[in-house]
Amino acid sequence: MKIKAVVLMVLGWAVPGLGHFLQRKYLRGAVFFGCLAAMTALGLALGGRIYPFQTENPLTILAFFADIGNGLLYLLSRVLPVGIGDLKLATFEFGTAYLAGAGLLNFLVALDAYDIAAGTKS
């Protein structure tokens, strides 16, 4: 396993598109960052929740793994009041789905950065 590829994958996970920017794939990195930032912002604006690791309900474990894909936003949500969610809002479920979707897509973007750095994709 190439160390450079792993480092770029982790950086791409932390900030969407950063792994592509560092490989001089500027347009691809900008598109990924813009789309995932928009999805995340929309999810937060709709009152979605970023789930911590909880063992009471198996579905919250799946939501945790989806949300951890948001990288630094997930880490910030553990120390700042971000992504708390508001069950009173009619848009709560939509916002939570946008946040989970952004996290899952970010996993794919980070893997794409790894593939480019490893030389298996251009």
PDB file of N, CA and C in Angstrom:
ATOM      1  N   MET A   1       0.850  -1.181   0.000  1.00  0.00           N
ATOM      2  CA  MET A   1       0.000   0.000   0.000  1.00  0.00           C
ATOM      3  C   MET A   1       0.895   1.242   0.000  1.00  0.00           C
ATOM      4  N   LYS A   2       0.573   2.178  -0.833  1.00  0.00           N
ATOM      5  CA  LYS A   2       1.369   3.386  -0.939  1.00  0.00           C
ATOM      6  C   LYS A   2       0.974   4.371   0.156  1.00  0.00           C
ATOM      7  N   ILE A   3       1.986   4.854   0.877  1.00  0.00           N
ATOM      8  CA  ILE A   3       1.742   5.779   1.988  1.00  0.00           C
ATOM      9  C   ILE A   3       1.127   7.081   1.474  1.00  0.00           C
ATOM     10  N   LYS A   4       1.622   7.589   0.346  1.00  0.00           N
ATOM     11  CA  LYS A   4       1.090   8.832  -0.209  1.00  0.00           C
ATOM     12  C   LYS A   4      -0.393   8.694  -0.529  1.00  0.00           C
ATOM     13  N   ALA A   5      -0.777   7.568  -1.085  1.00  0.00           N
ATOM     14  CA  ALA A   5      -2.180   7.351  -1.436  1.00  0.00           C
ATOM     15  C   ALA A   5      -3.058   7.319  -0.187  1.00  0.00           C
ATOM     16  N   VAL A   6      -2.565   6.687   0.866  1.00  0.00           N
ATOM     17  CA  VAL A   6      -3.337   6.614   2.114  1.00  0.00           C
ATOM     18  C   VAL A   6      -3.473   8.001   2.742  1.00  0.00           C
ATOM     19  N   VAL A   7      -2.386   8.767   2.734  1.00  0.00           N
ATOM     20  CA  VAL A   7      -2.433  10.124   3.294  1.00  0.00           C
ATOM     21  C   VAL A   7      -3.424  10.983   2.516  1.00  0.00           C
ATOM     22  N   LEU A   8      -3.403  10.890   1.195  1.00  0.00           N
ATOM     23  CA  LEU A   8      -4.343  11.671   0.394  1.00  0.00           C
ATOM     24  C   LEU A   8      -5.781  11.216   0.620  1.00  0.00           C
ATOM     25  N   MET A   9      -5.977   9.928   0.848  1.00  0.00           N
ATOM     26  CA  MET A   9      -7.325   9.440   1.138  1.00  0.00           C
ATOM     27  C   MET A   9      -7.820  10.003   2.468  1.00  0.00           C
ATOM     28  N   VAL A  10      -6.979  10.011   3.481  1.00  0.00           N
ATOM     29  CA  VAL A  10      -7.380  10.542   4.793  1.00  0.00           C
ATOM     30  C   VAL A  10      -7.653  12.039   4.701  1.00  0.00           C
ATOM     31  N   LEU A  11      -6.804  12.764   3.980  1.00  0.00           N
ATOM     32  CA  LEU A  11      -7.044  14.203   3.805  1.00  0.00           C
ATOM     33  C   LEU A  11      -8.326  14.453   3.013  1.00  0.00           C
ATOM     34  N   GLY A  12      -8.590  13.604   2.036  1.00  0.00           N
ATOM     35  CA  GLY A  12      -9.830  13.716   1.275  1.00  0.00           C
ATOM     36  C   GLY A  12     -11.051  13.381   2.105  1.00  0.00           C
ATOM     37  N   TRP A  13     -10.883  12.514   3.091  1.00  0.00           N
ATOM     38  CA  TRP A  13     -11.990  12.224   4.010  1.00  0.00           C
ATOM     39  C   TRP A  13     -12.223  13.412   4.936  1.00  0.00           C
ATOM     40  N   ALA A  14     -11.142  14.013   5.429  1.00  0.00           N
ATOM     41  CA  ALA A  14     -11.268  15.117   6.382  1.00  0.00           C
ATOM     42  C   ALA A  14     -11.939  16.335   5.748  1.00  0.00           C
ATOM     43  N   VAL A  15     -11.514  16.677   4.536  1.00  0.00           N
ATOM     44  CA  VAL A  15     -12.088  17.810   3.805  1.00  0.00           C
ATOM     45  C   VAL A  15     -12.425  17.310   2.400  1.00  0.00           C
ATOM     46  N   PRO A  16     -13.676  17.258   2.050  1.00  0.00           N
ATOM     47  CA  PRO A  16     -14.049  16.729   0.730  1.00  0.00           C
ATOM     48  C   PRO A  16     -13.338  17.467  -0.405  1.00  0.00           C
ATOM     49  N   GLY A  17     -12.718  16.697  -1.290  1.00  0.00           N
ATOM     50  CA  GLY A  17     -12.043  17.266  -2.439  1.00  0.00           C
ATOM     51  C   GLY A  17     -10.593  17.633  -2.211  1.00  0.00           C
ATOM     52  N   LEU A  18     -10.130  17.640  -0.965  1.00  0.00           N
ATOM     53  CA  LEU A  18      -8.751  18.034  -0.681  1.00  0.00           C
ATOM     54  C   LEU A  18      -7.748  17.049  -1.282  1.00  0.00           C
ATOM     55  N   GLY A  19      -8.065  15.770  -1.255  1.00  0.00           N
ATOM     56  CA  GLY A  19      -7.189  14.772  -1.854  1.00  0.00           C
ATOM     57  C   GLY A  19      -7.020  14.986  -3.344  1.00  0.00           C
ATOM     58  N   HIS A  20      -8.058  15.475  -4.005  1.00  0.00           N
ATOM     59  CA  HIS A  20      -7.980  15.756  -5.436  1.00  0.00           C
ATOM     60  C   HIS A  20      -7.215  17.056  -5.693  1.00  0.00           C
ATOM     61  N   PHE A  21      -7.444  18.065  -4.864  1.00  0.00           N
ATOM     62  CA  PHE A  21      -6.724  19.322  -5.009  1.00  0.00           C
ATOM     63  C   PHE A  21      -5.225  19.090  -4.903  1.00  0.00           C
ATOM     64  N   LEU A  22      -4.805  18.287  -3.943  1.00  0.00           N
ATOM     65  CA  LEU A  22      -3.381  18.050  -3.734  1.00  0.00           C
ATOM     66  C   LEU A  22      -2.755  17.241  -4.867  1.00  0.00           C
ATOM     67  N   GLN A  23      -3.579  16.610  -5.690  1.00  0.00           N
ATOM     68  CA  GLN A  23      -3.089  15.874  -6.858  1.00  0.00           C
ATOM     69  C   GLN A  23      -3.283  16.663  -8.147  1.00  0.00           C
ATOM     70  N   ARG A  24      -3.566  17.941  -8.006  1.00  0.00           N
ATOM     71  CA  ARG A  24      -3.744  18.864  -9.123  1.00  0.00           C
ATOM     72  C   ARG A  24      -4.950  18.525  -9.995  1.00  0.00           C
ATOM     73  N   LYS A  25      -5.940  17.932  -9.399  1.00  0.00           N
ATOM     74  CA  LYS A  25      -7.229  17.691 -10.063  1.00  0.00           C
ATOM     75  C   LYS A  25      -8.193  18.762  -9.532  1.00  0.00           C
ATOM     76  N   TYR A  26      -7.916  20.004  -9.917  1.00  0.00           N
ATOM     77  CA  TYR A  26      -8.597  21.141  -9.303  1.00  0.00           C
ATOM     78  C   TYR A  26     -10.090  21.177  -9.581  1.00  0.00           C
ATOM     79  N   LEU A  27     -10.481  20.939 -10.810  1.00  0.00           N
ATOM     80  CA  LEU A  27     -11.907  20.990 -11.147  1.00  0.00           C
ATOM     81  C   LEU A  27     -12.665  19.888 -10.422  1.00  0.00           C
ATOM     82  N   ARG A  28     -12.124  18.692 -10.437  1.00  0.00           N
ATOM     83  CA  ARG A  28     -12.778  17.562  -9.767  1.00  0.00           C
ATOM     84  C   ARG A  28     -12.890  17.830  -8.258  1.00  0.00           C
ATOM     85  N   GLY A  29     -11.805  18.340  -7.669  1.00  0.00           N
ATOM     86  CA  GLY A  29     -11.833  18.657  -6.239  1.00  0.00           C
ATOM     87  C   GLY A  29     -12.836  19.741  -5.902  1.00  0.00           C
ATOM     88  N   ALA A  30     -12.912  20.761  -6.770  1.00  0.00           N
ATOM     89  CA  ALA A  30     -13.866  21.851  -6.527  1.00  0.00           C
ATOM     90  C   ALA A  30     -15.303  21.372  -6.646  1.00  0.00           C
ATOM     91  N   VAL A  31     -15.570  20.519  -7.616  1.00  0.00           N
ATOM     92  CA  VAL A  31     -16.934  19.994  -7.786  1.00  0.00           C
ATOM     93  C   VAL A  31     -17.321  19.138  -6.585  1.00  0.00           C
ATOM     94  N   PHE A  32     -16.408  18.255  -6.166  1.00  0.00           N
ATOM     95  CA  PHE A  32     -16.702  17.417  -5.003  1.00  0.00           C
ATOM     96  C   PHE A  32     -16.921  18.266  -3.755  1.00  0.00           C
ATOM     97  N   PHE A  33     -16.042  19.242  -3.533  1.00  0.00           N
ATOM     98  CA  PHE A  33     -16.188  20.083  -2.349  1.00  0.00           C
ATOM     99  C   PHE A  33     -17.494  20.862  -2.403  1.00  0.00           C
ATOM    100  N   GLY A  34     -17.792  21.460  -3.555  1.00  0.00           N
ATOM    101  CA  GLY A  34     -19.015  22.257  -3.665  1.00  0.00           C
ATOM    102  C   GLY A  34     -20.271  21.445  -3.448  1.00  0.00           C
ATOM    103  N   CYS A  35     -20.335  20.279  -4.074  1.00  0.00           N
ATOM    104  CA  CYS A  35     -21.535  19.441  -3.938  1.00  0.00           C
ATOM    105  C   CYS A  35     -21.712  18.911  -2.517  1.00  0.00           C
ATOM    106  N   LEU A  36     -20.627  18.408  -1.943  1.00  0.00           N
ATOM    107  CA  LEU A  36     -20.747  17.848  -0.594  1.00  0.00           C
ATOM    108  C   LEU A  36     -20.954  18.933   0.453  1.00  0.00           C
ATOM    109  N   ALA A  37     -20.343  20.098   0.256  1.00  0.00           N
ATOM    110  CA  ALA A  37     -20.587  21.208   1.179  1.00  0.00           C
ATOM    111  C   ALA A  37     -22.036  21.677   1.087  1.00  0.00           C
ATOM    112  N   ALA A  38     -22.585  21.712  -0.124  1.00  0.00           N
ATOM    113  CA  ALA A  38     -23.987  22.116  -0.296  1.00  0.00           C
ATOM    114  C   ALA A  38     -24.928  21.109   0.351  1.00  0.00           C
ATOM    115  N   MET A  39     -24.653  19.819   0.157  1.00  0.00           N
ATOM    116  CA  MET A  39     -25.499  18.794   0.792  1.00  0.00           C
ATOM    117  C   MET A  39     -25.447  18.899   2.305  1.00  0.00           C
ATOM    118  N   THR A  40     -24.246  19.109   2.836  1.00  0.00           N
ATOM    119  CA  THR A  40     -24.084  19.204   4.284  1.00  0.00           C
ATOM    120  C   THR A  40     -24.766  20.457   4.820  1.00  0.00           C
ATOM    121  N   ALA A  41     -24.565  21.579   4.150  1.00  0.00           N
ATOM    122  CA  ALA A  41     -25.200  22.830   4.586  1.00  0.00           C
ATOM    123  C   ALA A  41     -26.718  22.721   4.537  1.00  0.00           C
ATOM    124  N   LEU A  42     -27.234  22.102   3.490  1.00  0.00           N
ATOM    125  CA  LEU A  42     -28.678  21.919   3.386  1.00  0.00           C
ATOM    126  C   LEU A  42     -29.190  21.011   4.503  1.00  0.00           C
ATOM    127  N   GLY A  43     -28.447  19.944   4.790  1.00  0.00           N
ATOM    128  CA  GLY A  43     -28.843  19.047   5.872  1.00  0.00           C
ATOM    129  C   GLY A  43     -28.874  19.752   7.218  1.00  0.00           C
ATOM    130  N   LEU A  44     -27.871  20.592   7.467  1.00  0.00           N
ATOM    131  CA  LEU A  44     -27.851  21.337   8.729  1.00  0.00           C
ATOM    132  C   LEU A  44     -28.958  22.390   8.764  1.00  0.00           C
ATOM    133  N   ALA A  45     -29.211  23.050   7.629  1.00  0.00           N
ATOM    134  CA  ALA A  45     -30.264  24.065   7.564  1.00  0.00           C
ATOM    135  C   ALA A  45     -31.654  23.456   7.767  1.00  0.00           C
ATOM    136  N   LEU A  46     -31.818  22.205   7.342  1.00  0.00           N
ATOM    137  CA  LEU A  46     -33.107  21.531   7.516  1.00  0.00           C
ATOM    138  C   LEU A  46     -33.271  20.949   8.915  1.00  0.00           C
ATOM    139  N   GLY A  47     -32.278  21.131   9.768  1.00  0.00           N
ATOM    140  CA  GLY A  47     -32.386  20.664  11.146  1.00  0.00           C
ATOM    141  C   GLY A  47     -32.018  19.208  11.322  1.00  0.00           C
ATOM    142  N   GLY A  48     -31.158  18.685  10.461  1.00  0.00           N
ATOM    143  CA  GLY A  48     -30.748  17.285  10.558  1.00  0.00           C
ATOM    144  C   GLY A  48     -29.826  17.031  11.730  1.00  0.00           C
ATOM    145  N   ARG A  49     -29.696  15.765  12.078  1.00  0.00           N
ATOM    146  CA  ARG A  49     -28.882  15.374  13.224  1.00  0.00           C
ATOM    147  C   ARG A  49     -27.671  14.576  12.767  1.00  0.00           C
ATOM    148  N   ILE A  50     -26.536  14.849  13.402  1.00  0.00           N
ATOM    149  CA  ILE A  50     -25.326  14.047  13.221  1.00  0.00           C
ATOM    150  C   ILE A  50     -25.244  13.131  14.432  1.00  0.00           C
ATOM    151  N   TYR A  51     -25.333  11.823  14.191  1.00  0.00           N
ATOM    152  CA  TYR A  51     -25.446  10.860  15.279  1.00  0.00           C
ATOM    153  C   TYR A  51     -24.094  10.469  15.861  1.00  0.00           C
ATOM    154  N   PRO A  52     -23.986  10.443  17.191  1.00  0.00           N
ATOM    155  CA  PRO A  52     -22.791   9.881  17.829  1.00  0.00           C
ATOM    156  C   PRO A  52     -22.919   8.360  17.896  1.00  0.00           C
ATOM    157  N   PHE A  53     -21.870   7.699  18.335  1.00  0.00           N
ATOM    158  CA  PHE A  53     -21.924   6.241  18.466  1.00  0.00           C
ATOM    159  C   PHE A  53     -22.805   5.883  19.656  1.00  0.00           C
ATOM    160  N   GLN A  54     -23.882   5.142  19.418  1.00  0.00           N
ATOM    161  CA  GLN A  54     -24.807   4.704  20.460  1.00  0.00           C
ATOM    162  C   GLN A  54     -25.114   3.239  20.230  1.00  0.00           C
ATOM    163  N   THR A  55     -25.229   2.478  21.317  1.00  0.00           N
ATOM    164  CA  THR A  55     -25.479   1.041  21.169  1.00  0.00           C
ATOM    165  C   THR A  55     -26.923   0.661  21.484  1.00  0.00           C
ATOM    166  N   GLU A  56     -27.754   1.616  21.854  1.00  0.00           N
ATOM    167  CA  GLU A  56     -29.131   1.283  22.212  1.00  0.00           C
ATOM    168  C   GLU A  56     -29.943   0.799  21.015  1.00  0.00           C
ATOM    169  N   ASN A  57     -29.696   1.392  19.868  1.00  0.00           N
ATOM    170  CA  ASN A  57     -30.486   1.092  18.679  1.00  0.00           C
ATOM    171  C   ASN A  57     -29.532   0.765  17.525  1.00  0.00           C
ATOM    172  N   PRO A  58     -29.679  -0.394  16.908  1.00  0.00           N
ATOM    173  CA  PRO A  58     -28.767  -0.745  15.805  1.00  0.00           C
ATOM    174  C   PRO A  58     -28.799   0.235  14.637  1.00  0.00           C
ATOM    175  N   LEU A  59     -29.918   0.882  14.408  1.00  0.00           N
ATOM    176  CA  LEU A  59     -29.999   1.826  13.297  1.00  0.00           C
ATOM    177  C   LEU A  59     -29.158   3.075  13.554  1.00  0.00           C
ATOM    178  N   THR A  60     -29.011   3.469  14.818  1.00  0.00           N
ATOM    179  CA  THR A  60     -28.161   4.624  15.099  1.00  0.00           C
ATOM    180  C   THR A  60     -26.694   4.290  14.891  1.00  0.00           C
ATOM    181  N   ILE A  61     -26.323   3.018  14.994  1.00  0.00           N
ATOM    182  CA  ILE A  61     -24.946   2.621  14.680  1.00  0.00           C
ATOM    183  C   ILE A  61     -24.689   2.819  13.188  1.00  0.00           C
ATOM    184  N   LEU A  62     -25.652   2.447  12.353  1.00  0.00           N
ATOM    185  CA  LEU A  62     -25.517   2.672  10.911  1.00  0.00           C
ATOM    186  C   LEU A  62     -25.478   4.161  10.582  1.00  0.00           C
ATOM    187  N   ALA A  63     -26.297   4.945  11.267  1.00  0.00           N
ATOM    188  CA  ALA A  63     -26.289   6.392  11.056  1.00  0.00           C
ATOM    189  C   ALA A  63     -24.947   6.986  11.478  1.00  0.00           C
ATOM    190  N   PHE A  64     -24.354   6.460  12.556  1.00  0.00           N
ATOM    191  CA  PHE A  64     -23.037   6.914  12.994  1.00  0.00           C
ATOM    192  C   PHE A  64     -21.996   6.678  11.904  1.00  0.00           C
ATOM    193  N   PHE A  65     -21.980   5.495  11.308  1.00  0.00           N
ATOM    194  CA  PHE A  65     -20.998   5.195  10.273  1.00  0.00           C
ATOM    195  C   PHE A  65     -21.210   6.056   9.028  1.00  0.00           C
ATOM    196  N   ALA A  66     -22.447   6.388   8.727  1.00  0.00           N
ATOM    197  CA  ALA A  66     -22.706   7.292   7.601  1.00  0.00           C
ATOM    198  C   ALA A  66     -22.244   8.712   7.939  1.00  0.00           C
ATOM    199  N   ASP A  67     -22.513   9.157   9.157  1.00  0.00           N
ATOM    200  CA  ASP A  67     -22.166  10.522   9.544  1.00  0.00           C
ATOM    201  C   ASP A  67     -20.668  10.723   9.736  1.00  0.00           C
ATOM    202  N   ILE A  68     -19.956   9.698  10.128  1.00  0.00           N
ATOM    203  CA  ILE A  68     -18.510   9.847  10.319  1.00  0.00           C
ATOM    204  C   ILE A  68     -17.810  10.124   8.992  1.00  0.00           C
ATOM    205  N   GLY A  69     -18.484   9.832   7.897  1.00  0.00           N
ATOM    206  CA  GLY A  69     -17.943  10.145   6.590  1.00  0.00           C
ATOM    207  C   GLY A  69     -17.842  11.630   6.319  1.00  0.00           C
ATOM    208  N   ASN A  70     -18.491  12.452   7.126  1.00  0.00           N
ATOM    209  CA  ASN A  70     -18.421  13.900   6.948  1.00  0.00           C
ATOM    210  C   ASN A  70     -17.098  14.496   7.401  1.00  0.00           C
ATOM    211  N   GLY A  71     -16.190  13.678   7.904  1.00  0.00           N
ATOM    212  CA  GLY A  71     -14.835  14.117   8.226  1.00  0.00           C
ATOM    213  C   GLY A  71     -14.765  15.099   9.370  1.00  0.00           C
ATOM    214  N   LEU A  72     -14.147  16.242   9.106  1.00  0.00           N
ATOM    215  CA  LEU A  72     -13.947  17.228  10.162  1.00  0.00           C
ATOM    216  C   LEU A  72     -15.260  17.772  10.715  1.00  0.00           C
ATOM    217  N   LEU A  73     -16.293  17.822   9.888  1.00  0.00           N
ATOM    218  CA  LEU A  73     -17.594  18.274  10.390  1.00  0.00           C
ATOM    219  C   LEU A  73     -18.087  17.353  11.496  1.00  0.00           C
ATOM    220  N   TYR A  74     -17.873  16.044  11.329  1.00  0.00           N
ATOM    221  CA  TYR A  74     -18.291  15.122  12.386  1.00  0.00           C
ATOM    222  C   TYR A  74     -17.512  15.409  13.667  1.00  0.00           C
ATOM    223  N   LEU A  75     -16.215  15.603  13.553  1.00  0.00           N
ATOM    224  CA  LEU A  75     -15.406  15.881  14.740  1.00  0.00           C
ATOM    225  C   LEU A  75     -15.813  17.200  15.390  1.00  0.00           C
ATOM    226  N   LEU A  76     -16.119  18.207  14.572  1.00  0.00           N
ATOM    227  CA  LEU A  76     -16.588  19.479  15.125  1.00  0.00           C
ATOM    228  C   LEU A  76     -17.944  19.341  15.804  1.00  0.00           C
ATOM    229  N   SER A  77     -18.783  18.475  15.280  1.00  0.00           N
ATOM    230  CA  SER A  77     -20.115  18.302  15.870  1.00  0.00           C
ATOM    231  C   SER A  77     -20.041  17.671  17.257  1.00  0.00           C
ATOM    232  N   ARG A  78     -18.931  17.040  17.580  1.00  0.00           N
ATOM    233  CA  ARG A  78     -18.788  16.448  18.907  1.00  0.00           C
ATOM    234  C   ARG A  78     -18.386  17.479  19.950  1.00  0.00           C
ATOM    235  N   VAL A  79     -17.797  18.618  19.522  1.00  0.00           N
ATOM    236  CA  VAL A  79     -17.359  19.633  20.482  1.00  0.00           C
ATOM    237  C   VAL A  79     -18.153  20.939  20.372  1.00  0.00           C
ATOM    238  N   LEU A  80     -18.778  21.183  19.231  1.00  0.00           N
ATOM    239  CA  LEU A  80     -19.577  22.389  19.033  1.00  0.00           C
ATOM    240  C   LEU A  80     -21.052  22.012  18.869  1.00  0.00           C
ATOM    241  N   PRO A  81     -21.945  22.946  19.142  1.00  0.00           N
ATOM    242  CA  PRO A  81     -23.378  22.634  18.964  1.00  0.00           C
ATOM    243  C   PRO A  81     -23.794  22.683  17.492  1.00  0.00           C
ATOM    244  N   VAL A  82     -23.276  21.743  16.707  1.00  0.00           N
ATOM    245  CA  VAL A  82     -23.581  21.653  15.281  1.00  0.00           C
ATOM    246  C   VAL A  82     -24.205  20.287  15.024  1.00  0.00           C
ATOM    247  N   GLY A  83     -25.266  20.243  14.256  1.00  0.00           N
ATOM    248  CA  GLY A  83     -25.874  18.971  13.909  1.00  0.00           C
ATOM    249  C   GLY A  83     -26.615  18.304  15.048  1.00  0.00           C
ATOM    250  N   ILE A  84     -27.157  19.094  15.937  1.00  0.00           N
ATOM    251  CA  ILE A  84     -27.903  18.540  17.077  1.00  0.00           C
ATOM    252  C   ILE A  84     -29.233  17.960  16.615  1.00  0.00           C
ATOM    253  N   GLY A  85     -29.833  18.599  15.642  1.00  0.00           N
ATOM    254  CA  GLY A  85     -31.119  18.131  15.127  1.00  0.00           C
ATOM    255  C   GLY A  85     -32.274  18.662  15.947  1.00  0.00           C
ATOM    256  N   ASP A  86     -33.374  18.897  15.286  1.00  0.00           N
ATOM    257  CA  ASP A  86     -34.570  19.402  15.946  1.00  0.00           C
ATOM    258  C   ASP A  86     -35.753  18.556  15.495  1.00  0.00           C
ATOM    259  N   LEU A  87     -36.189  17.661  16.375  1.00  0.00           N
ATOM    260  CA  LEU A  87     -37.280  16.743  16.045  1.00  0.00           C
ATOM    261  C   LEU A  87     -38.603  17.457  15.786  1.00  0.00           C
ATOM    262  N   LYS A  88     -38.734  18.685  16.261  1.00  0.00           N
ATOM    263  CA  LYS A  88     -39.977  19.421  16.071  1.00  0.00           C
ATOM    264  C   LYS A  88     -40.167  19.869  14.625  1.00  0.00           C
ATOM    265  N   LEU A  89     -39.065  19.972  13.900  1.00  0.00           N
ATOM    266  CA  LEU A  89     -39.155  20.425  12.512  1.00  0.00           C
ATOM    267  C   LEU A  89     -39.681  19.312  11.610  1.00  0.00           C
ATOM    268  N   ALA A  90     -40.502  19.697  10.666  1.00  0.00           N
ATOM    269  CA  ALA A  90     -41.013  18.725   9.695  1.00  0.00           C
ATOM    270  C   ALA A  90     -39.903  18.258   8.754  1.00  0.00           C
ATOM    271  N   THR A  91     -38.835  19.019   8.672  1.00  0.00           N
ATOM    272  CA  THR A  91     -37.739  18.701   7.753  1.00  0.00           C
ATOM    273  C   THR A  91     -36.606  17.931   8.419  1.00  0.00           C
ATOM    274  N   PHE A  92     -36.780  17.515   9.669  1.00  0.00           N
ATOM    275  CA  PHE A  92     -35.721  16.832  10.415  1.00  0.00           C
ATOM    276  C   PHE A  92     -35.203  15.593   9.681  1.00  0.00           C
ATOM    277  N   GLU A  93     -36.088  14.746   9.222  1.00  0.00           N
ATOM    278  CA  GLU A  93     -35.677  13.501   8.544  1.00  0.00           C
ATOM    279  C   GLU A  93     -34.957  13.785   7.234  1.00  0.00           C
ATOM    280  N   PHE A  94     -35.427  14.796   6.502  1.00  0.00           N
ATOM    281  CA  PHE A  94     -34.763  15.154   5.250  1.00  0.00           C
ATOM    282  C   PHE A  94     -33.347  15.659   5.516  1.00  0.00           C
ATOM    283  N   GLY A  95     -33.205  16.502   6.529  1.00  0.00           N
ATOM    284  CA  GLY A  95     -31.887  17.025   6.879  1.00  0.00           C
ATOM    285  C   GLY A  95     -30.937  15.931   7.316  1.00  0.00           C
ATOM    286  N   THR A  96     -31.441  14.989   8.109  1.00  0.00           N
ATOM    287  CA  THR A  96     -30.624  13.865   8.556  1.00  0.00           C
ATOM    288  C   THR A  96     -30.211  13.000   7.367  1.00  0.00           C
ATOM    289  N   ALA A  97     -31.117  12.819   6.420  1.00  0.00           N
ATOM    290  CA  ALA A  97     -30.793  12.025   5.227  1.00  0.00           C
ATOM    291  C   ALA A  97     -29.740  12.735   4.369  1.00  0.00           C
ATOM    292  N   TYR A  98     -29.818  14.042   4.242  1.00  0.00           N
ATOM    293  CA  TYR A  98     -28.807  14.783   3.493  1.00  0.00           C
ATOM    294  C   TYR A  98     -27.437  14.654   4.158  1.00  0.00           C
ATOM    295  N   LEU A  99     -27.394  14.749   5.485  1.00  0.00           N
ATOM    296  CA  LEU A  99     -26.115  14.626   6.190  1.00  0.00           C
ATOM    297  C   LEU A  99     -25.527  13.229   6.037  1.00  0.00           C
ATOM    298  N   ALA A 100     -26.368  12.211   6.145  1.00  0.00           N
ATOM    299  CA  ALA A 100     -25.886  10.839   5.980  1.00  0.00           C
ATOM    300  C   ALA A 100     -25.446  10.598   4.539  1.00  0.00           C
ATOM    301  N   GLY A 101     -26.193  11.113   3.591  1.00  0.00           N
ATOM    302  CA  GLY A 101     -25.826  10.959   2.186  1.00  0.00           C
ATOM    303  C   GLY A 101     -24.511  11.648   1.862  1.00  0.00           C
ATOM    304  N   ALA A 102     -24.301  12.824   2.417  1.00  0.00           N
ATOM    305  CA  ALA A 102     -23.040  13.535   2.195  1.00  0.00           C
ATOM    306  C   ALA A 102     -21.870  12.744   2.781  1.00  0.00           C
ATOM    307  N   GLY A 103     -22.074  12.141   3.944  1.00  0.00           N
ATOM    308  CA  GLY A 103     -21.017  11.340   4.547  1.00  0.00           C
ATOM    309  C   GLY A 103     -20.671  10.116   3.718  1.00  0.00           C
ATOM    310  N   LEU A 104     -21.686   9.434   3.225  1.00  0.00           N
ATOM    311  CA  LEU A 104     -21.439   8.245   2.412  1.00  0.00           C
ATOM    312  C   LEU A 104     -20.772   8.606   1.080  1.00  0.00           C
ATOM    313  N   LEU A 105     -21.203   9.710   0.473  1.00  0.00           N
ATOM    314  CA  LEU A 105     -20.568  10.148  -0.765  1.00  0.00           C
ATOM    315  C   LEU A 105     -19.120  10.569  -0.524  1.00  0.00           C
ATOM    316  N   ASN A 106     -18.851  11.156   0.634  1.00  0.00           N
ATOM    317  CA  ASN A 106     -17.483  11.565   0.932  1.00  0.00           C
ATOM    318  C   ASN A 106     -16.560  10.351   1.068  1.00  0.00           C
ATOM    319  N   PHE A 107     -17.073   9.240   1.572  1.00  0.00           N
ATOM    320  CA  PHE A 107     -16.269   8.016   1.589  1.00  0.00           C
ATOM    321  C   PHE A 107     -15.849   7.645   0.163  1.00  0.00           C
ATOM    322  N   LEU A 108     -16.786   7.738  -0.777  1.00  0.00           N
ATOM    323  CA  LEU A 108     -16.482   7.407  -2.168  1.00  0.00           C
ATOM    324  C   LEU A 108     -15.492   8.395  -2.783  1.00  0.00           C
ATOM    325  N   VAL A 109     -15.615   9.660  -2.440  1.00  0.00           N
ATOM    326  CA  VAL A 109     -14.694  10.673  -2.951  1.00  0.00           C
ATOM    327  C   VAL A 109     -13.285  10.415  -2.414  1.00  0.00           C
ATOM    328  N   ALA A 110     -13.179  10.063  -1.139  1.00  0.00           N
ATOM    329  CA  ALA A 110     -11.863   9.756  -0.558  1.00  0.00           C
ATOM    330  C   ALA A 110     -11.251   8.529  -1.223  1.00  0.00           C
ATOM    331  N   LEU A 111     -12.067   7.523  -1.509  1.00  0.00           N
ATOM    332  CA  LEU A 111     -11.562   6.336  -2.207  1.00  0.00           C
ATOM    333  C   LEU A 111     -11.139   6.671  -3.637  1.00  0.00           C
ATOM    334  N   ASP A 112     -11.816   7.606  -4.274  1.00  0.00           N
ATOM    335  CA  ASP A 112     -11.424   8.044  -5.606  1.00  0.00           C
ATOM    336  C   ASP A 112     -10.054   8.724  -5.558  1.00  0.00           C
ATOM    337  N   ALA A 113      -9.827   9.545  -4.541  1.00  0.00           N
ATOM    338  CA  ALA A 113      -8.511  10.184  -4.382  1.00  0.00           C
ATOM    339  C   ALA A 113      -7.432   9.134  -4.171  1.00  0.00           C
ATOM    340  N   TYR A 114      -7.753   8.080  -3.417  1.00  0.00           N
ATOM    341  CA  TYR A 114      -6.795   6.994  -3.203  1.00  0.00           C
ATOM    342  C   TYR A 114      -6.478   6.293  -4.533  1.00  0.00           C
ATOM    343  N   ASP A 115      -7.494   6.002  -5.312  1.00  0.00           N
ATOM    344  CA  ASP A 115      -7.283   5.316  -6.591  1.00  0.00           C
ATOM    345  C   ASP A 115      -6.411   6.137  -7.539  1.00  0.00           C
ATOM    346  N   ILE A 116      -6.629   7.436  -7.563  1.00  0.00           N
ATOM    347  CA  ILE A 116      -5.819   8.299  -8.423  1.00  0.00           C
ATOM    348  C   ILE A 116      -4.367   8.290  -7.950  1.00  0.00           C
ATOM    349  N   ALA A 117      -4.170   8.418  -6.638  1.00  0.00           N
ATOM    350  CA  ALA A 117      -2.802   8.464  -6.102  1.00  0.00           C
ATOM    351  C   ALA A 117      -2.097   7.117  -6.259  1.00  0.00           C
ATOM    352  N   ALA A 118      -2.826   6.027  -6.203  1.00  0.00           N
ATOM    353  CA  ALA A 118      -2.231   4.692  -6.341  1.00  0.00           C
ATOM    354  C   ALA A 118      -1.940   4.356  -7.800  1.00  0.00           C
ATOM    355  N   GLY A 119      -2.458   5.144  -8.716  1.00  0.00           N
ATOM    356  CA  GLY A 119      -2.195   4.921 -10.134  1.00  0.00           C
ATOM    357  C   GLY A 119      -3.151   3.983 -10.822  1.00  0.00           C
ATOM    358  N   THR A 120      -4.246   3.613 -10.172  1.00  0.00           N
ATOM    359  CA  THR A 120      -5.215   2.709 -10.787  1.00  0.00           C
ATOM    360  C   THR A 120      -6.305   3.468 -11.547  1.00  0.00           C
ATOM    361  N   LYS A 121      -6.291   4.808 -11.434  1.00  0.00           N
ATOM    362  CA  LYS A 121      -7.276   5.623 -12.110  1.00  0.00           C
ATOM    363  C   LYS A 121      -6.616   6.963 -12.444  1.00  0.00           C
ATOM    364  N   SER A 122      -7.069   7.595 -13.502  1.00  0.00           N
ATOM    365  CA  SER A 122      -6.476   8.886 -13.852  1.00  0.00           C
ATOM    366  C   SER A 122      -7.449  10.015 -13.603  1.00  0.00           C
TER     367      SER A 122
END
